[in-house]
């Protein structure tokens, strides 16, 4: 149990560093891999919020729209749906 917590924390710190140091698409790919690896990876919402705080640009109609945060909510919901569907198809 404790090793899983440290592993999850290490993945989160790695994703946070990738958010700060690597291009956005690398962080997106790594975040999707974390969504596949863990059953519920809620930390992705915080990463989307940090991305919005650091790099968000105002949109025409919504000057303060948190687009990365909304995207991470959709990714998390989509991963829940896909995992549930795949478990149903596998008969688990």
Protein backbone atom coordinates (compact mmCIF):
# COMPACT_ATOMS: atom_id res chain seq x y z
CA UNK A 1 0.00 0.00 0.00
CA UNK A 2 2.73 2.45 0.94
CA UNK A 3 4.71 1.67 -2.20
CA UNK A 4 1.66 2.45 -4.33
CA UNK A 5 1.30 5.86 -2.69
CA UNK A 6 4.96 6.70 -3.28
CA UNK A 7 4.71 5.47 -6.87
CA UNK A 8 1.64 7.62 -7.46
CA UNK A 9 3.35 10.62 -5.86
CA UNK A 10 6.42 10.05 -8.04
CA UNK A 11 4.25 9.96 -11.16
CA UNK A 12 2.56 13.21 -10.09
CA UNK A 13 5.88 14.96 -9.47
CA UNK A 14 7.15 13.71 -12.82
CA UNK A 15 4.05 15.04 -14.56
CA UNK A 16 4.39 18.37 -12.77
CA UNK A 17 8.02 18.63 -13.91
CA UNK A 18 7.03 17.70 -17.45
CA UNK A 19 4.39 20.45 -17.32
CA UNK A 20 7.07 22.96 -16.41
CA UNK A 21 9.94 21.74 -18.59
CA UNK A 22 8.57 19.85 -21.61
CA UNK A 23 6.17 20.77 -24.43
CA UNK A 24 2.46 20.57 -23.69
CA UNK A 25 1.89 17.54 -25.92
CA UNK A 26 4.42 15.44 -23.98
CA UNK A 27 2.58 16.24 -20.76
CA UNK A 28 -0.73 15.36 -22.42
CA UNK A 29 0.58 11.96 -23.55
CA UNK A 30 2.06 11.22 -20.12
CA UNK A 31 -1.17 12.29 -18.41
CA UNK A 32 -3.20 9.95 -20.61
CA UNK A 33 -0.77 7.15 -19.74
CA UNK A 34 -1.33 7.89 -16.04
CA UNK A 35 -5.10 7.77 -16.61
CA UNK A 36 -4.70 4.31 -18.11
CA UNK A 37 -2.34 3.10 -15.39
CA UNK A 38 -4.38 4.15 -12.34
CA UNK A 39 -8.04 3.38 -11.72
CA UNK A 40 -8.87 6.97 -10.74
CA UNK A 41 -6.18 9.57 -11.31
CA UNK A 42 -7.74 12.73 -9.89
CA UNK A 43 -4.41 14.54 -9.81
CA UNK A 44 -4.83 15.29 -13.51
CA UNK A 45 -7.40 17.97 -12.64
CA UNK A 46 -4.81 19.80 -10.54
CA UNK A 47 -2.34 19.55 -13.42
CA UNK A 48 -4.92 21.12 -15.73
CA UNK A 49 -5.48 23.93 -13.24
CA UNK A 50 -1.73 24.59 -12.97
CA UNK A 51 -1.47 24.58 -16.76
CA UNK A 52 -4.25 27.16 -16.97
CA UNK A 53 -2.60 29.33 -14.33
CA UNK A 54 0.74 29.27 -16.12
CA UNK A 55 0.01 29.18 -19.84
CA UNK A 56 -3.65 30.03 -20.52
CA UNK A 57 -4.41 32.70 -23.07
CA UNK A 58 -7.74 34.55 -23.12
CA UNK A 59 -10.31 33.36 -25.63
CA UNK A 60 -12.51 35.72 -27.60
CA UNK A 61 -15.83 35.08 -25.86
CA UNK A 62 -14.46 33.77 -22.55
CA UNK A 63 -11.52 35.84 -21.32
CA UNK A 64 -10.95 33.64 -18.24
CA UNK A 65 -12.11 30.23 -19.50
CA UNK A 66 -10.12 27.38 -17.88
CA UNK A 67 -9.77 25.27 -21.01
CA UNK A 68 -7.11 22.84 -19.72
CA UNK A 69 -9.05 22.22 -16.51
CA UNK A 70 -12.22 21.47 -18.47
CA UNK A 71 -10.23 19.21 -20.80
CA UNK A 72 -8.87 17.24 -17.85
CA UNK A 73 -12.40 16.83 -16.44
CA UNK A 74 -13.50 15.40 -19.80
CA UNK A 75 -10.44 13.13 -20.01
CA UNK A 76 -11.12 11.80 -16.51
CA UNK A 77 -14.81 11.19 -17.26
CA UNK A 78 -13.93 9.59 -20.59
CA UNK A 79 -11.44 7.27 -18.91
CA UNK A 80 -14.07 6.21 -16.35
CA UNK A 81 -16.55 5.50 -19.15
CA UNK A 82 -14.06 3.56 -21.27
CA UNK A 83 -12.82 1.49 -18.32
CA UNK A 84 -16.39 0.64 -17.32
CA UNK A 85 -17.27 -0.29 -20.90
CA UNK A 86 -14.17 -2.46 -21.30
CA UNK A 87 -14.90 -4.26 -18.02
CA UNK A 88 -18.47 -4.88 -19.21
CA UNK A 89 -17.25 -6.25 -22.56
CA UNK A 90 -14.68 -8.48 -20.85
CA UNK A 91 -17.34 -9.86 -18.50
CA UNK A 92 -15.52 -8.85 -15.32
